[in-house]
Amino acid sequence: MTPHNLTDGSLREDHGFVTATRPHWTASGRADSDGVRSSGSDRSADRGNILRLMAILFWIVILLVCIFAEIHTQAFLALFIGVGSVIAFFLALASVPFAVQAVVFVVVSGITLASLRPAIVHRFAHSPVVDLTIPANSSLTNLTGFVEESVGDEGHPGRVKIKGESWRAVTEVGDPIPSGTRVVVKKTFGTTLWVEQA
């Protein structure tokens, strides 16, 4: 049997019969006889995007855990592990292989822990501790004003006016300070002033 010229230009002879095979067309307009190559590459790209997204989410979770742990422990340990996770996060955004991300995370965390943590811990360990339960000097110390309500000890507080503002006040002097008396601020604790007669 004589083969006929088909419109797609693809002819095949099988047991005396001529059959035509129609090519599959990809999105780019090129023929692919079985479509396997195209579908395989699509599946590979989808899998790569999923793995990249999983890596990004993984480092975000690690960073959030480190922030939470550092806030509650203040041990300056999770802080530097978090630094490593930030670097790994940006590598994940750049589609760097996860194995490389993990190695960089470990190296950066180890270097920052070894080099920076000791200095920071030493500095904070030797910082003076302020006892907030003890009255101390402030910007109001040594300012003068007048007693609005008789000022006694901590069990009998009064009111004084300093620069036009009314403050709760107490005195360590044995006798209460009567209204209208000029006083000077010696120390403060919160919104309470310790005053003496000027």
N, C-alpha and C. Protein backbone atom coordinates (compact mmCIF):
# COMPACT_ATOMS: atom_id res chain seq x y z
N MET A 1 0.85 -1.18 0.00
CA MET A 1 0.00 0.00 0.00
C MET A 1 0.89 1.23 0.00
N THR A 2 0.52 2.17 -0.82
CA THR A 2 1.33 3.39 -0.93
C THR A 2 0.94 4.35 0.16
N PRO A 3 1.91 4.83 0.91
CA PRO A 3 1.59 5.76 1.99
C PRO A 3 1.13 7.09 1.43
N HIS A 4 0.18 7.68 2.12
CA HIS A 4 -0.30 9.00 1.73
C HIS A 4 0.45 10.05 2.52
N ASN A 5 0.54 11.21 1.89
CA ASN A 5 1.21 12.32 2.57
C ASN A 5 0.23 12.94 3.57
N LEU A 6 0.57 12.86 4.90
CA LEU A 6 -0.30 13.39 5.94
C LEU A 6 0.08 14.82 6.26
N THR A 7 -0.88 15.52 6.82
CA THR A 7 -0.66 16.96 7.08
C THR A 7 0.37 17.20 8.15
N ASP A 8 0.51 16.27 9.11
CA ASP A 8 1.50 16.51 10.17
C ASP A 8 2.88 16.04 9.78
N GLY A 9 3.01 15.42 8.60
CA GLY A 9 4.31 15.02 8.11
C GLY A 9 4.91 13.86 8.82
N SER A 10 4.13 13.09 9.58
CA SER A 10 4.67 11.96 10.32
C SER A 10 4.00 10.69 9.83
N LEU A 11 4.78 9.77 9.23
CA LEU A 11 4.24 8.54 8.66
C LEU A 11 4.94 7.35 9.27
N ARG A 12 4.19 6.27 9.40
CA ARG A 12 4.79 5.03 9.91
C ARG A 12 4.09 3.86 9.21
N GLU A 13 4.83 2.87 8.73
CA GLU A 13 4.25 1.71 8.04
C GLU A 13 4.31 0.51 8.96
N ASP A 14 3.18 -0.15 9.20
CA ASP A 14 3.11 -1.29 10.11
C ASP A 14 2.23 -2.35 9.49
N HIS A 15 2.86 -3.49 9.12
CA HIS A 15 2.14 -4.61 8.48
C HIS A 15 1.38 -4.14 7.25
N GLY A 16 2.05 -3.36 6.48
CA GLY A 16 1.45 -2.95 5.22
C GLY A 16 0.52 -1.76 5.34
N PHE A 17 0.26 -1.30 6.50
CA PHE A 17 -0.62 -0.13 6.69
C PHE A 17 0.22 1.06 7.13
N VAL A 18 -0.14 2.15 6.63
CA VAL A 18 0.56 3.37 6.99
C VAL A 18 -0.26 4.10 8.06
N THR A 19 0.40 4.35 9.21
CA THR A 19 -0.28 5.06 10.28
C THR A 19 0.49 6.34 10.58
N ALA A 20 -0.20 7.27 11.10
CA ALA A 20 0.42 8.57 11.42
C ALA A 20 0.50 8.72 12.92
N THR A 21 1.62 9.23 13.35
CA THR A 21 1.80 9.53 14.78
C THR A 21 1.80 11.04 14.94
N ARG A 22 0.97 11.50 15.84
CA ARG A 22 0.89 12.94 16.08
C ARG A 22 1.79 13.30 17.26
N PRO A 23 2.66 14.23 17.07
CA PRO A 23 3.56 14.63 18.16
C PRO A 23 2.82 15.42 19.22
N HIS A 24 3.33 15.33 20.46
CA HIS A 24 2.83 16.16 21.55
C HIS A 24 3.59 17.48 21.52
N TRP A 25 2.90 18.52 21.85
CA TRP A 25 3.53 19.85 21.81
C TRP A 25 3.66 20.40 23.22
N THR A 26 4.84 20.91 23.49
CA THR A 26 5.09 21.50 24.81
C THR A 26 4.64 22.94 24.82
N ALA A 27 4.70 23.58 26.01
CA ALA A 27 4.27 24.97 26.14
C ALA A 27 5.16 25.90 25.34
N SER A 28 6.40 25.49 25.08
CA SER A 28 7.32 26.33 24.32
C SER A 28 7.10 26.21 22.82
N GLY A 29 6.19 25.30 22.38
CA GLY A 29 5.91 25.16 20.96
C GLY A 29 6.73 24.12 20.27
N ARG A 30 7.62 23.37 21.00
CA ARG A 30 8.44 22.33 20.40
C ARG A 30 7.80 20.98 20.59
N ALA A 31 7.94 20.14 19.60
CA ALA A 31 7.31 18.82 19.64
C ALA A 31 8.05 17.90 20.59
N ASP A 32 7.28 17.11 21.31
CA ASP A 32 7.83 16.08 22.20
C ASP A 32 7.01 14.84 21.97
N SER A 33 7.63 13.82 21.47
CA SER A 33 6.87 12.66 20.99
C SER A 33 6.10 11.97 22.08
N ASP A 34 6.59 11.91 23.30
CA ASP A 34 5.87 11.20 24.35
C ASP A 34 5.54 12.08 25.56
N GLY A 35 6.04 13.28 25.66
CA GLY A 35 5.72 14.19 26.75
C GLY A 35 6.39 13.84 28.06
N VAL A 36 7.18 12.77 28.08
CA VAL A 36 7.78 12.33 29.34
C VAL A 36 8.81 13.34 29.81
N ARG A 37 9.60 13.84 28.88
CA ARG A 37 10.65 14.77 29.24
C ARG A 37 10.07 16.03 29.87
N SER A 38 8.99 16.55 29.29
CA SER A 38 8.37 17.78 29.80
C SER A 38 7.75 17.58 31.17
N SER A 39 6.96 16.51 31.32
CA SER A 39 6.30 16.28 32.60
C SER A 39 7.31 15.96 33.69
N GLY A 40 8.40 15.28 33.34
CA GLY A 40 9.43 14.97 34.32
C GLY A 40 10.10 16.22 34.85
N SER A 41 10.40 17.16 33.97
CA SER A 41 11.04 18.39 34.41
C SER A 41 10.10 19.22 35.26
N ASP A 42 8.80 19.20 34.94
CA ASP A 42 7.82 19.94 35.74
C ASP A 42 7.74 19.38 37.16
N ARG A 43 7.71 18.04 37.24
CA ARG A 43 7.65 17.42 38.56
C ARG A 43 8.91 17.74 39.37
N SER A 44 10.05 17.76 38.71
CA SER A 44 11.30 18.06 39.40
C SER A 44 11.31 19.51 39.91
N ALA A 45 10.79 20.43 39.10
CA ALA A 45 10.74 21.83 39.51
C ALA A 45 9.78 22.01 40.68
N ASP A 46 8.63 21.33 40.63
CA ASP A 46 7.67 21.42 41.73
C ASP A 46 8.27 20.88 43.02
N ARG A 47 8.97 19.77 42.91
CA ARG A 47 9.59 19.18 44.10
C ARG A 47 10.65 20.11 44.67
N GLY A 48 11.42 20.77 43.79
CA GLY A 48 12.43 21.70 44.26
C GLY A 48 11.82 22.90 44.98
N ASN A 49 10.70 23.41 44.47
CA ASN A 49 10.03 24.54 45.12
C ASN A 49 9.48 24.16 46.48
N ILE A 50 8.94 22.94 46.58
CA ILE A 50 8.40 22.48 47.86
C ILE A 50 9.52 22.35 48.90
N LEU A 51 10.65 21.77 48.49
CA LEU A 51 11.77 21.62 49.42
C LEU A 51 12.32 22.98 49.84
N ARG A 52 12.36 23.92 48.90
CA ARG A 52 12.85 25.26 49.23
C ARG A 52 11.92 25.93 50.24
N LEU A 53 10.61 25.81 50.03
CA LEU A 53 9.64 26.39 50.95
C LEU A 53 9.75 25.75 52.33
N MET A 54 9.93 24.43 52.37
CA MET A 54 10.07 23.73 53.65
C MET A 54 11.31 24.21 54.40
N ALA A 55 12.40 24.44 53.67
CA ALA A 55 13.63 24.92 54.31
C ALA A 55 13.44 26.31 54.89
N ILE A 56 12.76 27.19 54.14
CA ILE A 56 12.50 28.55 54.62
C ILE A 56 11.67 28.52 55.90
N LEU A 57 10.61 27.73 55.89
CA LEU A 57 9.76 27.63 57.07
C LEU A 57 10.51 27.03 58.25
N PHE A 58 11.38 26.08 57.98
CA PHE A 58 12.16 25.44 59.04
C PHE A 58 13.03 26.47 59.76
N TRP A 59 13.73 27.31 59.01
CA TRP A 59 14.61 28.29 59.65
C TRP A 59 13.81 29.38 60.35
N ILE A 60 12.63 29.72 59.84
CA ILE A 60 11.78 30.68 60.53
C ILE A 60 11.36 30.14 61.90
N VAL A 61 10.98 28.86 61.94
CA VAL A 61 10.59 28.23 63.20
C VAL A 61 11.76 28.22 64.18
N ILE A 62 12.95 27.88 63.69
CA ILE A 62 14.14 27.87 64.55
C ILE A 62 14.40 29.25 65.13
N LEU A 63 14.27 30.28 64.29
CA LEU A 63 14.51 31.64 64.75
C LEU A 63 13.50 32.06 65.82
N LEU A 64 12.22 31.74 65.61
CA LEU A 64 11.19 32.09 66.58
C LEU A 64 11.41 31.37 67.92
N VAL A 65 11.81 30.11 67.84
CA VAL A 65 12.10 29.36 69.07
C VAL A 65 13.27 30.00 69.82
N CYS A 66 14.29 30.42 69.08
CA CYS A 66 15.46 31.05 69.71
C CYS A 66 15.07 32.36 70.38
N ILE A 67 14.25 33.16 69.71
CA ILE A 67 13.81 34.43 70.29
C ILE A 67 13.03 34.18 71.59
N PHE A 68 12.10 33.23 71.54
CA PHE A 68 11.30 32.90 72.72
C PHE A 68 12.19 32.41 73.85
N ALA A 69 13.14 31.54 73.54
CA ALA A 69 14.02 30.97 74.56
C ALA A 69 14.91 32.05 75.17
N GLU A 70 15.42 32.96 74.34
CA GLU A 70 16.31 34.01 74.85
C GLU A 70 15.57 34.99 75.75
N ILE A 71 14.34 35.31 75.39
CA ILE A 71 13.55 36.23 76.22
C ILE A 71 13.32 35.64 77.61
N HIS A 72 13.10 34.34 77.67
CA HIS A 72 12.77 33.72 78.95
C HIS A 72 14.00 33.28 79.75
N THR A 73 15.12 33.06 79.08
CA THR A 73 16.32 32.60 79.80
C THR A 73 17.36 33.69 79.98
N GLN A 74 17.48 34.58 79.00
CA GLN A 74 18.48 35.65 79.00
C GLN A 74 19.87 35.08 79.29
N ALA A 75 20.16 33.94 78.67
CA ALA A 75 21.45 33.29 78.88
C ALA A 75 22.42 33.58 77.75
N PHE A 76 22.00 34.37 76.75
CA PHE A 76 22.84 34.70 75.60
C PHE A 76 23.35 33.44 74.90
N LEU A 77 22.50 32.44 74.86
CA LEU A 77 22.84 31.20 74.16
C LEU A 77 21.97 31.06 72.92
N ALA A 78 20.66 31.10 73.10
CA ALA A 78 19.75 31.00 71.95
C ALA A 78 19.91 32.19 71.01
N LEU A 79 20.40 33.31 71.55
CA LEU A 79 20.60 34.51 70.72
C LEU A 79 21.53 34.22 69.55
N PHE A 80 22.64 33.56 69.81
CA PHE A 80 23.63 33.33 68.77
C PHE A 80 23.23 32.15 67.86
N ILE A 81 22.47 31.22 68.40
CA ILE A 81 21.92 30.17 67.55
C ILE A 81 20.93 30.80 66.57
N GLY A 82 20.20 31.80 67.05
CA GLY A 82 19.28 32.53 66.17
C GLY A 82 20.02 33.25 65.05
N VAL A 83 21.20 33.77 65.34
CA VAL A 83 22.00 34.43 64.29
C VAL A 83 22.33 33.44 63.18
N GLY A 84 22.70 32.23 63.55
CA GLY A 84 22.98 31.21 62.54
C GLY A 84 21.76 30.87 61.72
N SER A 85 20.58 30.84 62.35
CA SER A 85 19.36 30.52 61.61
C SER A 85 18.98 31.64 60.64
N VAL A 86 19.32 32.88 60.98
CA VAL A 86 19.05 33.99 60.06
C VAL A 86 19.88 33.85 58.79
N ILE A 87 21.15 33.53 58.95
CA ILE A 87 22.02 33.34 57.78
C ILE A 87 21.50 32.17 56.93
N ALA A 88 21.13 31.08 57.59
CA ALA A 88 20.61 29.92 56.85
C ALA A 88 19.30 30.25 56.15
N PHE A 89 18.49 31.10 56.75
CA PHE A 89 17.23 31.52 56.15
C PHE A 89 17.47 32.22 54.81
N PHE A 90 18.43 33.12 54.77
CA PHE A 90 18.73 33.83 53.52
C PHE A 90 19.32 32.88 52.47
N LEU A 91 20.07 31.90 52.92
CA LEU A 91 20.57 30.90 51.98
C LEU A 91 19.42 30.10 51.38
N ALA A 92 18.42 29.80 52.20
CA ALA A 92 17.25 29.07 51.70
C ALA A 92 16.49 29.91 50.68
N LEU A 93 16.40 31.20 50.91
CA LEU A 93 15.75 32.08 49.93
C LEU A 93 16.49 32.07 48.60
N ALA A 94 17.81 31.89 48.67
CA ALA A 94 18.63 31.87 47.45
C ALA A 94 18.70 30.48 46.83
N SER A 95 17.90 29.53 47.36
CA SER A 95 17.83 28.15 46.83
C SER A 95 19.16 27.40 46.95
N VAL A 96 19.95 27.75 47.95
CA VAL A 96 21.17 27.00 48.22
C VAL A 96 20.77 25.64 48.80
N PRO A 97 21.46 24.57 48.44
CA PRO A 97 21.11 23.24 48.97
C PRO A 97 21.03 23.22 50.49
N PHE A 98 20.09 22.42 50.99
CA PHE A 98 19.86 22.41 52.44
C PHE A 98 21.08 21.94 53.21
N ALA A 99 21.84 21.03 52.63
CA ALA A 99 23.05 20.56 53.32
C ALA A 99 24.01 21.72 53.57
N VAL A 100 24.13 22.60 52.60
CA VAL A 100 25.00 23.77 52.76
C VAL A 100 24.42 24.70 53.82
N GLN A 101 23.11 24.88 53.81
CA GLN A 101 22.45 25.71 54.83
C GLN A 101 22.76 25.20 56.23
N ALA A 102 22.63 23.90 56.41
CA ALA A 102 22.85 23.30 57.72
C ALA A 102 24.29 23.49 58.19
N VAL A 103 25.25 23.31 57.27
CA VAL A 103 26.65 23.48 57.63
C VAL A 103 26.94 24.93 58.02
N VAL A 104 26.42 25.87 57.24
CA VAL A 104 26.63 27.29 57.55
C VAL A 104 25.98 27.64 58.89
N PHE A 105 24.80 27.10 59.15
CA PHE A 105 24.11 27.34 60.42
C PHE A 105 24.97 26.90 61.59
N VAL A 106 25.52 25.71 61.52
CA VAL A 106 26.34 25.18 62.61
C VAL A 106 27.61 26.01 62.78
N VAL A 107 28.26 26.34 61.65
CA VAL A 107 29.53 27.09 61.72
C VAL A 107 29.32 28.49 62.28
N VAL A 108 28.31 29.21 61.76
CA VAL A 108 28.06 30.57 62.23
C VAL A 108 27.65 30.58 63.70
N SER A 109 26.77 29.67 64.08
CA SER A 109 26.34 29.61 65.48
C SER A 109 27.53 29.31 66.40
N GLY A 110 28.38 28.37 65.99
CA GLY A 110 29.53 28.02 66.80
C GLY A 110 30.53 29.16 66.94
N ILE A 111 30.78 29.86 65.83
CA ILE A 111 31.75 30.96 65.87
C ILE A 111 31.24 32.10 66.75
N THR A 112 29.97 32.47 66.58
CA THR A 112 29.43 33.58 67.38
C THR A 112 29.34 33.20 68.86
N LEU A 113 28.99 31.96 69.14
CA LEU A 113 28.95 31.52 70.54
C LEU A 113 30.33 31.58 71.18
N ALA A 114 31.33 31.12 70.44
CA ALA A 114 32.67 31.05 70.99
C ALA A 114 33.34 32.42 71.11
N SER A 115 33.04 33.32 70.17
CA SER A 115 33.75 34.59 70.14
C SER A 115 33.03 35.73 70.85
N LEU A 116 31.70 35.78 70.75
CA LEU A 116 30.96 36.92 71.29
C LEU A 116 30.30 36.67 72.64
N ARG A 117 29.80 35.47 72.86
CA ARG A 117 29.06 35.21 74.09
C ARG A 117 29.89 35.45 75.35
N PRO A 118 31.14 34.96 75.43
CA PRO A 118 31.89 35.19 76.68
C PRO A 118 32.03 36.67 77.03
N ALA A 119 32.28 37.51 76.03
CA ALA A 119 32.46 38.93 76.30
C ALA A 119 31.16 39.56 76.79
N ILE A 120 30.03 39.19 76.18
CA ILE A 120 28.75 39.76 76.58
C ILE A 120 28.36 39.29 77.97
N VAL A 121 28.55 38.01 78.24
CA VAL A 121 28.23 37.49 79.57
C VAL A 121 29.08 38.17 80.63
N HIS A 122 30.37 38.37 80.33
CA HIS A 122 31.26 39.03 81.28
C HIS A 122 30.82 40.46 81.55
N ARG A 123 30.42 41.15 80.51
CA ARG A 123 30.01 42.56 80.68
C ARG A 123 28.75 42.67 81.53
N PHE A 124 27.76 41.84 81.24
CA PHE A 124 26.52 41.93 82.00
C PHE A 124 26.68 41.39 83.41
N ALA A 125 27.58 40.44 83.59
CA ALA A 125 27.79 39.90 84.93
C ALA A 125 28.42 40.91 85.87
N HIS A 126 29.17 41.88 85.30
CA HIS A 126 29.85 42.87 86.13
C HIS A 126 29.14 44.22 86.12
N SER A 127 27.93 44.27 85.56
CA SER A 127 27.17 45.52 85.58
C SER A 127 26.58 45.73 86.97
N PRO A 128 26.57 46.96 87.45
CA PRO A 128 25.99 47.20 88.78
C PRO A 128 24.50 46.91 88.78
N VAL A 129 24.05 46.29 89.84
CA VAL A 129 22.64 45.95 89.98
C VAL A 129 21.94 47.05 90.77
N VAL A 130 20.87 47.58 90.19
CA VAL A 130 20.12 48.64 90.84
C VAL A 130 18.98 48.03 91.64
N ASP A 131 18.98 48.32 92.94
CA ASP A 131 17.91 47.82 93.80
C ASP A 131 16.75 48.82 93.75
N LEU A 132 15.69 48.44 93.04
CA LEU A 132 14.56 49.34 92.85
C LEU A 132 13.69 49.47 94.09
N THR A 133 14.00 48.71 95.13
CA THR A 133 13.22 48.82 96.36
C THR A 133 13.77 49.89 97.29
N ILE A 134 14.91 50.49 96.90
CA ILE A 134 15.53 51.50 97.74
C ILE A 134 15.38 52.87 97.07
N PRO A 135 14.88 53.86 97.76
CA PRO A 135 14.79 55.21 97.18
C PRO A 135 16.15 55.70 96.72
N ALA A 136 16.17 56.44 95.62
CA ALA A 136 17.43 56.88 95.05
C ALA A 136 17.29 58.30 94.52
N ASN A 137 18.43 58.84 94.08
CA ASN A 137 18.42 60.17 93.50
C ASN A 137 17.78 60.14 92.12
N SER A 138 17.21 61.28 91.74
CA SER A 138 16.60 61.39 90.43
C SER A 138 16.68 62.84 89.98
N SER A 139 16.01 63.16 88.89
CA SER A 139 16.04 64.54 88.39
C SER A 139 15.32 65.50 89.33
N LEU A 140 14.51 64.96 90.25
CA LEU A 140 13.80 65.81 91.21
C LEU A 140 14.62 66.09 92.46
N THR A 141 15.71 65.35 92.63
CA THR A 141 16.52 65.52 93.84
C THR A 141 17.06 66.95 93.94
N ASN A 142 16.96 67.52 95.14
CA ASN A 142 17.43 68.87 95.46
C ASN A 142 16.51 69.98 94.94
N LEU A 143 15.39 69.62 94.32
CA LEU A 143 14.43 70.65 93.94
C LEU A 143 13.61 71.04 95.17
N THR A 144 13.15 72.27 95.18
CA THR A 144 12.37 72.76 96.32
C THR A 144 10.93 73.00 95.92
N GLY A 145 10.05 72.97 96.92
CA GLY A 145 8.63 73.21 96.70
C GLY A 145 7.95 73.50 98.03
N PHE A 146 6.63 73.38 98.03
CA PHE A 146 5.86 73.69 99.24
C PHE A 146 4.91 72.54 99.56
N VAL A 147 4.67 72.35 100.83
CA VAL A 147 3.78 71.29 101.29
C VAL A 147 2.33 71.71 101.05
N GLU A 148 1.58 70.85 100.38
CA GLU A 148 0.15 71.08 100.17
C GLU A 148 -0.67 70.45 101.28
N GLU A 149 -0.29 69.22 101.64
CA GLU A 149 -0.94 68.51 102.74
C GLU A 149 0.15 68.03 103.68
N SER A 150 -0.10 68.08 104.94
CA SER A 150 0.90 67.75 105.95
C SER A 150 1.61 66.44 105.62
N VAL A 151 2.94 66.48 105.65
CA VAL A 151 3.76 65.33 105.25
C VAL A 151 4.31 64.66 106.51
N GLY A 152 4.05 63.35 106.65
CA GLY A 152 4.58 62.57 107.76
C GLY A 152 5.46 61.45 107.27
N ASP A 153 5.53 60.38 108.08
CA ASP A 153 6.35 59.23 107.68
C ASP A 153 5.62 58.41 106.61
N GLU A 154 6.16 57.20 106.28
CA GLU A 154 5.60 56.40 105.20
C GLU A 154 4.18 55.94 105.50
N GLY A 155 3.84 55.90 106.78
CA GLY A 155 2.48 55.54 107.14
C GLY A 155 1.52 56.71 107.09
N HIS A 156 2.06 57.93 106.97
CA HIS A 156 1.23 59.14 106.95
C HIS A 156 1.74 60.09 105.85
N PRO A 157 1.63 59.68 104.62
CA PRO A 157 2.15 60.52 103.53
C PRO A 157 1.29 61.77 103.32
N GLY A 158 1.90 62.77 102.70
CA GLY A 158 1.19 63.99 102.36
C GLY A 158 1.42 64.34 100.90
N ARG A 159 1.21 65.62 100.56
CA ARG A 159 1.38 66.09 99.19
C ARG A 159 2.26 67.33 99.19
N VAL A 160 3.14 67.40 98.20
CA VAL A 160 3.95 68.60 98.01
C VAL A 160 3.83 69.04 96.55
N LYS A 161 4.05 70.31 96.30
CA LYS A 161 4.00 70.84 94.93
C LYS A 161 5.41 71.24 94.53
N ILE A 162 5.90 70.59 93.45
CA ILE A 162 7.23 70.85 92.91
C ILE A 162 7.07 71.30 91.47
N LYS A 163 7.51 72.50 91.14
CA LYS A 163 7.42 73.05 89.79
C LYS A 163 6.00 72.95 89.24
N GLY A 164 5.03 73.25 90.08
CA GLY A 164 3.65 73.28 89.64
C GLY A 164 2.96 71.93 89.60
N GLU A 165 3.66 70.86 89.94
CA GLU A 165 3.07 69.53 89.93
C GLU A 165 2.95 69.00 91.35
N SER A 166 1.86 68.28 91.61
CA SER A 166 1.61 67.73 92.94
C SER A 166 2.16 66.31 93.02
N TRP A 167 2.91 66.03 94.11
CA TRP A 167 3.54 64.72 94.30
C TRP A 167 3.19 64.18 95.68
N ARG A 168 3.11 62.86 95.76
CA ARG A 168 3.00 62.19 97.05
C ARG A 168 4.35 62.31 97.75
N ALA A 169 4.34 62.62 99.03
CA ALA A 169 5.60 62.86 99.73
C ALA A 169 5.57 62.28 101.13
N VAL A 170 6.75 61.87 101.60
CA VAL A 170 6.93 61.40 102.97
C VAL A 170 8.22 62.03 103.51
N THR A 171 8.42 61.94 104.80
CA THR A 171 9.64 62.48 105.40
C THR A 171 10.19 61.51 106.42
N GLU A 172 11.50 61.57 106.61
CA GLU A 172 12.15 60.75 107.62
C GLU A 172 12.31 61.51 108.93
N VAL A 173 11.94 62.78 108.90
CA VAL A 173 11.98 63.59 110.12
C VAL A 173 10.88 63.11 111.06
N GLY A 174 11.15 63.16 112.35
CA GLY A 174 10.19 62.64 113.32
C GLY A 174 8.86 63.34 113.31
N ASP A 175 8.86 64.66 113.26
CA ASP A 175 7.61 65.42 113.30
C ASP A 175 7.08 65.67 111.89
N PRO A 176 5.76 65.63 111.71
CA PRO A 176 5.19 65.94 110.39
C PRO A 176 5.52 67.37 109.97
N ILE A 177 5.62 67.56 108.68
CA ILE A 177 5.89 68.88 108.13
C ILE A 177 4.55 69.51 107.77
N PRO A 178 4.19 70.64 108.35
CA PRO A 178 2.87 71.22 108.11
C PRO A 178 2.73 71.84 106.73
N SER A 179 1.46 72.08 106.35
CA SER A 179 1.16 72.68 105.06
C SER A 179 1.78 74.07 104.96
N GLY A 180 2.19 74.43 103.74
CA GLY A 180 2.78 75.73 103.49
C GLY A 180 4.26 75.81 103.75
N THR A 181 4.84 74.75 104.31
CA THR A 181 6.27 74.76 104.63
C THR A 181 7.09 74.52 103.36
N ARG A 182 8.18 75.24 103.24
CA ARG A 182 9.09 75.06 102.11
C ARG A 182 9.93 73.80 102.37
N VAL A 183 9.99 72.92 101.37
CA VAL A 183 10.72 71.65 101.53
C VAL A 183 11.67 71.45 100.35
N VAL A 184 12.63 70.54 100.56
CA VAL A 184 13.57 70.16 99.51
C VAL A 184 13.51 68.64 99.33
N VAL A 185 13.59 68.19 98.10
CA VAL A 185 13.53 66.76 97.79
C VAL A 185 14.90 66.15 98.02
N LYS A 186 14.95 65.07 98.82
CA LYS A 186 16.21 64.39 99.11
C LYS A 186 16.40 63.14 98.25
N LYS A 187 15.33 62.42 97.98
CA LYS A 187 15.40 61.22 97.16
C LYS A 187 13.99 60.86 96.70
N THR A 188 13.91 59.93 95.78
CA THR A 188 12.62 59.54 95.22
C THR A 188 12.52 58.03 95.12
N PHE A 189 11.28 57.57 95.08
CA PHE A 189 11.01 56.15 94.84
C PHE A 189 9.70 56.07 94.09
N GLY A 190 9.79 55.81 92.79
CA GLY A 190 8.59 55.82 91.96
C GLY A 190 8.05 57.23 91.89
N THR A 191 6.80 57.41 92.32
CA THR A 191 6.18 58.73 92.33
C THR A 191 6.11 59.32 93.73
N THR A 192 6.85 58.74 94.66
CA THR A 192 6.89 59.25 96.05
C THR A 192 8.20 59.97 96.28
N LEU A 193 8.11 61.16 96.88
CA LEU A 193 9.29 61.96 97.16
C LEU A 193 9.59 61.93 98.66
N TRP A 194 10.88 61.81 99.00
CA TRP A 194 11.33 61.95 100.38
C TRP A 194 11.81 63.38 100.54
N VAL A 195 11.18 64.11 101.43
CA VAL A 195 11.47 65.54 101.55
C VAL A 195 11.88 65.89 102.98
N GLU A 196 12.53 67.04 103.05
CA GLU A 196 12.87 67.62 104.36
C GLU A 196 12.59 69.10 104.31
N GLN A 197 12.44 69.69 105.45
CA GLN A 197 12.19 71.12 105.52
C GLN A 197 13.42 71.89 105.02
N ALA A 198 13.19 72.85 104.11
CA ALA A 198 14.31 73.58 103.50
C ALA A 198 14.87 74.60 104.48
